[in-house]
């Protein structure tokens, strides 16, 4: 169970990096328009890169936030389950040890 949970943590960790990559790429597109323009660039020409940057930011956050939320909730559930299983096993061993001592 813990191994499979690590996939969620990986997604939650990698998504912001992909988001950042897309954001930087979008800003590079916008600044390239500015750099290559001999006059003041039209807002619509800049909007393409800025839009790409914002969309990748949004997608990265939409992926990362739920993945990390679910990961932490499930991690706590697994931890509680393991604790309860340990208590049950300890009680069971204590009962068997009392039978053996008789």
N, C-alpha and C. Protein backbone atom coordinates (compact mmCIF):
# COMPACT_ATOMS: atom_id res chain seq x y z
N UNK A 1 0.84 -1.19 0.00
CA UNK A 1 0.00 0.00 0.00
C UNK A 1 0.88 1.25 0.00
N UNK A 2 1.91 1.25 0.83
CA UNK A 2 2.80 2.41 0.90
C UNK A 2 3.51 2.64 -0.43
N UNK A 3 3.88 1.55 -1.11
CA UNK A 3 4.56 1.68 -2.40
C UNK A 3 3.66 2.38 -3.41
N UNK A 4 2.40 1.99 -3.44
CA UNK A 4 1.48 2.62 -4.39
C UNK A 4 1.20 4.07 -4.03
N UNK A 5 1.22 4.38 -2.75
CA UNK A 5 1.02 5.76 -2.33
C UNK A 5 2.17 6.65 -2.80
N UNK A 6 3.34 6.07 -2.95
CA UNK A 6 4.49 6.87 -3.38
C UNK A 6 4.28 7.43 -4.79
N UNK A 7 3.44 6.77 -5.59
CA UNK A 7 3.14 7.29 -6.92
C UNK A 7 2.41 8.63 -6.83
N UNK A 8 1.48 8.73 -5.88
CA UNK A 8 0.77 10.00 -5.68
C UNK A 8 1.73 11.10 -5.24
N UNK A 9 2.63 10.76 -4.35
CA UNK A 9 3.61 11.74 -3.90
C UNK A 9 4.49 12.19 -5.06
N UNK A 10 4.87 11.26 -5.91
CA UNK A 10 5.69 11.60 -7.07
C UNK A 10 4.94 12.55 -8.01
N UNK A 11 3.67 12.26 -8.27
CA UNK A 11 2.86 13.13 -9.13
C UNK A 11 2.76 14.51 -8.51
N UNK A 12 2.50 14.57 -7.21
CA UNK A 12 2.37 15.85 -6.54
C UNK A 12 3.67 16.63 -6.51
N UNK A 13 4.78 15.94 -6.57
CA UNK A 13 6.09 16.60 -6.55
C UNK A 13 6.52 17.04 -7.95
N UNK A 14 6.24 16.21 -8.95
CA UNK A 14 6.68 16.50 -10.31
C UNK A 14 5.78 17.53 -11.00
N UNK A 15 4.49 17.54 -10.70
CA UNK A 15 3.56 18.45 -11.39
C UNK A 15 3.97 19.92 -11.29
N UNK A 16 4.39 20.41 -10.12
CA UNK A 16 4.84 21.81 -10.09
C UNK A 16 6.09 22.07 -10.93
N UNK A 17 6.95 21.05 -11.08
CA UNK A 17 8.13 21.23 -11.92
C UNK A 17 7.73 21.35 -13.39
N UNK A 18 6.78 20.52 -13.81
CA UNK A 18 6.27 20.61 -15.18
C UNK A 18 5.57 21.95 -15.37
N UNK A 19 4.82 22.37 -14.36
CA UNK A 19 4.15 23.68 -14.38
C UNK A 19 5.17 24.80 -14.57
N UNK A 20 6.24 24.75 -13.82
CA UNK A 20 7.27 25.77 -13.91
C UNK A 20 7.92 25.77 -15.30
N UNK A 21 8.16 24.59 -15.83
CA UNK A 21 8.73 24.49 -17.17
C UNK A 21 7.82 25.15 -18.20
N UNK A 22 6.53 24.87 -18.13
CA UNK A 22 5.58 25.47 -19.06
C UNK A 22 5.46 26.97 -18.87
N UNK A 23 5.52 27.42 -17.62
CA UNK A 23 5.45 28.85 -17.35
C UNK A 23 6.65 29.57 -17.93
N UNK A 24 7.83 29.02 -17.72
CA UNK A 24 9.04 29.63 -18.27
C UNK A 24 8.99 29.62 -19.80
N UNK A 25 8.53 28.53 -20.37
CA UNK A 25 8.43 28.44 -21.83
C UNK A 25 7.48 29.51 -22.36
N UNK A 26 6.35 29.70 -21.71
CA UNK A 26 5.41 30.73 -22.13
C UNK A 26 5.99 32.13 -22.03
N UNK A 27 6.74 32.38 -20.98
CA UNK A 27 7.36 33.70 -20.82
C UNK A 27 8.47 33.90 -21.86
N UNK A 28 9.20 32.85 -22.20
CA UNK A 28 10.22 32.95 -23.24
C UNK A 28 9.56 33.31 -24.57
N UNK A 29 8.42 32.69 -24.86
CA UNK A 29 7.69 33.02 -26.09
C UNK A 29 7.32 34.50 -26.11
N UNK A 30 6.80 34.99 -24.99
CA UNK A 30 6.41 36.41 -24.92
C UNK A 30 7.60 37.33 -25.06
N UNK A 31 8.70 37.03 -24.39
CA UNK A 31 9.87 37.89 -24.48
C UNK A 31 10.54 37.81 -25.85
N UNK A 32 10.42 36.68 -26.52
CA UNK A 32 10.94 36.56 -27.88
C UNK A 32 10.17 37.49 -28.81
N UNK A 33 8.87 37.57 -28.61
CA UNK A 33 8.06 38.50 -29.41
C UNK A 33 8.55 39.93 -29.19
N UNK A 34 8.81 40.28 -27.95
CA UNK A 34 9.28 41.63 -27.64
C UNK A 34 10.65 41.87 -28.27
N UNK A 35 11.55 40.89 -28.14
CA UNK A 35 12.92 41.04 -28.63
C UNK A 35 12.98 41.14 -30.15
N UNK A 36 12.12 40.41 -30.83
CA UNK A 36 12.18 40.38 -32.29
C UNK A 36 11.36 41.51 -32.94
N UNK A 37 10.60 42.21 -32.16
CA UNK A 37 9.74 43.27 -32.70
C UNK A 37 10.54 44.56 -32.87
N UNK A 38 10.35 45.19 -34.01
CA UNK A 38 11.03 46.47 -34.25
C UNK A 38 10.25 47.64 -33.67
N UNK A 39 8.98 47.38 -33.38
CA UNK A 39 8.15 48.41 -32.74
C UNK A 39 7.46 47.78 -31.53
N UNK A 40 6.60 48.54 -30.92
CA UNK A 40 5.88 48.00 -29.76
C UNK A 40 4.99 46.84 -30.21
N UNK A 41 5.18 45.64 -29.61
CA UNK A 41 4.37 44.49 -30.04
C UNK A 41 2.91 44.66 -29.65
N UNK A 42 2.08 44.04 -30.45
CA UNK A 42 0.64 44.07 -30.17
C UNK A 42 0.37 43.19 -28.94
N UNK A 43 -0.59 43.61 -28.12
CA UNK A 43 -0.93 42.77 -26.95
C UNK A 43 -1.34 41.35 -27.34
N UNK A 44 -1.98 41.20 -28.48
CA UNK A 44 -2.40 39.86 -28.89
C UNK A 44 -1.20 38.96 -29.18
N UNK A 45 -0.09 39.55 -29.63
CA UNK A 45 1.12 38.76 -29.88
C UNK A 45 1.76 38.30 -28.57
N UNK A 46 1.69 39.15 -27.56
CA UNK A 46 2.24 38.79 -26.25
C UNK A 46 1.32 37.83 -25.50
N UNK A 47 0.03 37.96 -25.78
CA UNK A 47 -0.95 37.17 -25.03
C UNK A 47 -0.79 35.67 -25.24
N UNK A 48 -0.28 35.26 -26.38
CA UNK A 48 -0.11 33.82 -26.64
C UNK A 48 0.83 33.19 -25.63
N UNK A 49 1.99 33.80 -25.43
CA UNK A 49 2.96 33.26 -24.47
C UNK A 49 2.48 33.36 -23.05
N UNK A 50 1.86 34.49 -22.72
CA UNK A 50 1.35 34.67 -21.35
C UNK A 50 0.23 33.68 -21.08
N UNK A 51 -0.62 33.47 -22.06
CA UNK A 51 -1.71 32.50 -21.91
C UNK A 51 -1.16 31.10 -21.69
N UNK A 52 -0.14 30.74 -22.46
CA UNK A 52 0.48 29.42 -22.30
C UNK A 52 1.06 29.28 -20.89
N UNK A 53 1.70 30.33 -20.40
CA UNK A 53 2.29 30.30 -19.06
C UNK A 53 1.21 30.11 -18.00
N UNK A 54 0.11 30.82 -18.13
CA UNK A 54 -0.96 30.73 -17.14
C UNK A 54 -1.67 29.37 -17.19
N UNK A 55 -1.87 28.86 -18.40
CA UNK A 55 -2.54 27.56 -18.53
C UNK A 55 -1.69 26.45 -17.91
N UNK A 56 -0.39 26.46 -18.17
CA UNK A 56 0.46 25.42 -17.58
C UNK A 56 0.53 25.55 -16.06
N UNK A 57 0.50 26.77 -15.57
CA UNK A 57 0.46 26.97 -14.12
C UNK A 57 -0.82 26.39 -13.54
N UNK A 58 -1.93 26.68 -14.18
CA UNK A 58 -3.23 26.17 -13.72
C UNK A 58 -3.26 24.64 -13.75
N UNK A 59 -2.82 24.05 -14.84
CA UNK A 59 -2.85 22.59 -14.97
C UNK A 59 -1.94 21.94 -13.93
N UNK A 60 -0.77 22.49 -13.74
CA UNK A 60 0.15 21.94 -12.74
C UNK A 60 -0.44 21.97 -11.34
N UNK A 61 -1.09 23.07 -10.99
CA UNK A 61 -1.71 23.17 -9.66
C UNK A 61 -2.92 22.25 -9.54
N UNK A 62 -3.70 22.14 -10.60
CA UNK A 62 -4.88 21.26 -10.58
C UNK A 62 -4.46 19.81 -10.40
N UNK A 63 -3.30 19.45 -10.91
CA UNK A 63 -2.81 18.07 -10.74
C UNK A 63 -2.15 17.90 -9.37
N UNK A 64 -1.30 18.84 -8.98
CA UNK A 64 -0.49 18.67 -7.76
C UNK A 64 -1.31 18.74 -6.48
N UNK A 65 -2.21 19.69 -6.38
CA UNK A 65 -2.94 19.88 -5.12
C UNK A 65 -3.77 18.65 -4.75
N UNK A 66 -4.63 18.13 -5.64
CA UNK A 66 -5.37 16.91 -5.26
C UNK A 66 -4.47 15.71 -5.00
N UNK A 67 -3.39 15.56 -5.80
CA UNK A 67 -2.50 14.41 -5.61
C UNK A 67 -1.87 14.45 -4.23
N UNK A 68 -1.39 15.61 -3.80
CA UNK A 68 -0.78 15.72 -2.47
C UNK A 68 -1.82 15.58 -1.36
N UNK A 69 -3.00 16.09 -1.59
CA UNK A 69 -4.08 15.96 -0.60
C UNK A 69 -4.44 14.49 -0.40
N UNK A 70 -4.68 13.78 -1.49
CA UNK A 70 -5.04 12.36 -1.40
C UNK A 70 -3.88 11.56 -0.81
N UNK A 71 -2.64 11.88 -1.21
CA UNK A 71 -1.48 11.17 -0.67
C UNK A 71 -1.43 11.29 0.85
N UNK A 72 -1.57 12.51 1.37
CA UNK A 72 -1.47 12.70 2.82
C UNK A 72 -2.62 12.05 3.57
N UNK A 73 -3.82 12.12 3.03
CA UNK A 73 -4.96 11.46 3.67
C UNK A 73 -4.74 9.95 3.71
N UNK A 74 -4.34 9.37 2.58
CA UNK A 74 -4.14 7.92 2.53
C UNK A 74 -2.94 7.49 3.37
N UNK A 75 -1.90 8.32 3.41
CA UNK A 75 -0.74 8.00 4.24
C UNK A 75 -1.15 7.92 5.71
N UNK A 76 -1.98 8.85 6.16
CA UNK A 76 -2.47 8.81 7.54
C UNK A 76 -3.33 7.58 7.79
N UNK A 77 -4.15 7.21 6.82
CA UNK A 77 -5.00 6.01 6.98
C UNK A 77 -4.14 4.76 7.08
N UNK A 78 -3.11 4.67 6.24
CA UNK A 78 -2.21 3.51 6.27
C UNK A 78 -1.49 3.45 7.62
N UNK A 79 -1.02 4.60 8.09
CA UNK A 79 -0.35 4.65 9.39
C UNK A 79 -1.25 4.20 10.52
N UNK A 80 -2.50 4.66 10.51
CA UNK A 80 -3.46 4.25 11.54
C UNK A 80 -3.75 2.76 11.44
N UNK A 81 -3.91 2.24 10.21
CA UNK A 81 -4.17 0.82 10.01
C UNK A 81 -3.00 -0.02 10.54
N UNK A 82 -1.78 0.41 10.25
CA UNK A 82 -0.61 -0.32 10.73
C UNK A 82 -0.53 -0.29 12.26
N UNK A 83 -0.86 0.83 12.86
CA UNK A 83 -0.86 0.94 14.32
C UNK A 83 -1.90 0.00 14.92
N UNK A 84 -3.11 0.02 14.38
CA UNK A 84 -4.18 -0.86 14.89
C UNK A 84 -3.84 -2.33 14.68
N UNK A 85 -3.22 -2.65 13.56
CA UNK A 85 -2.80 -4.04 13.30
C UNK A 85 -1.73 -4.46 14.30
N UNK A 86 -0.81 -3.56 14.60
CA UNK A 86 0.22 -3.87 15.60
C UNK A 86 -0.37 -4.12 16.98
N UNK A 87 -1.35 -3.30 17.38
CA UNK A 87 -2.02 -3.51 18.66
C UNK A 87 -2.75 -4.84 18.70
N UNK A 88 -3.45 -5.16 17.62
CA UNK A 88 -4.17 -6.42 17.55
C UNK A 88 -3.21 -7.59 17.64
N UNK A 89 -2.09 -7.52 16.91
CA UNK A 89 -1.10 -8.60 16.94
C UNK A 89 -0.49 -8.74 18.33
N UNK A 90 -0.22 -7.61 18.99
CA UNK A 90 0.34 -7.66 20.34
C UNK A 90 -0.62 -8.31 21.32
N UNK A 91 -1.89 -7.95 21.23
CA UNK A 91 -2.90 -8.57 22.10
C UNK A 91 -3.02 -10.06 21.83
N UNK A 92 -2.98 -10.43 20.57
CA UNK A 92 -3.08 -11.84 20.19
C UNK A 92 -1.89 -12.63 20.73
N UNK A 93 -0.70 -12.08 20.62
CA UNK A 93 0.51 -12.74 21.13
C UNK A 93 0.43 -12.86 22.65
N UNK A 94 -0.06 -11.83 23.32
CA UNK A 94 -0.20 -11.89 24.78
C UNK A 94 -1.17 -12.99 25.19
N UNK A 95 -2.26 -13.14 24.45
CA UNK A 95 -3.23 -14.20 24.77
C UNK A 95 -2.61 -15.58 24.57
N UNK A 96 -1.86 -15.76 23.49
CA UNK A 96 -1.22 -17.04 23.24
C UNK A 96 -0.15 -17.34 24.27
N UNK A 97 0.58 -16.31 24.68
CA UNK A 97 1.63 -16.54 25.67
C UNK A 97 1.02 -16.92 27.03
N UNK A 98 -0.16 -16.40 27.35
CA UNK A 98 -0.83 -16.81 28.61
C UNK A 98 -1.27 -18.26 28.53
N UNK A 99 -1.71 -18.71 27.35
CA UNK A 99 -2.11 -20.11 27.18
C UNK A 99 -0.92 -21.04 27.29
N UNK A 100 0.20 -20.63 26.74
CA UNK A 100 1.39 -21.47 26.75
C UNK A 100 1.95 -21.58 28.18
N UNK A 101 1.85 -20.56 28.98
CA UNK A 101 2.39 -20.58 30.35
C UNK A 101 1.57 -21.48 31.28
N UNK A 102 0.36 -21.77 30.90
CA UNK A 102 -0.48 -22.61 31.76
C UNK A 102 -0.02 -24.00 31.80
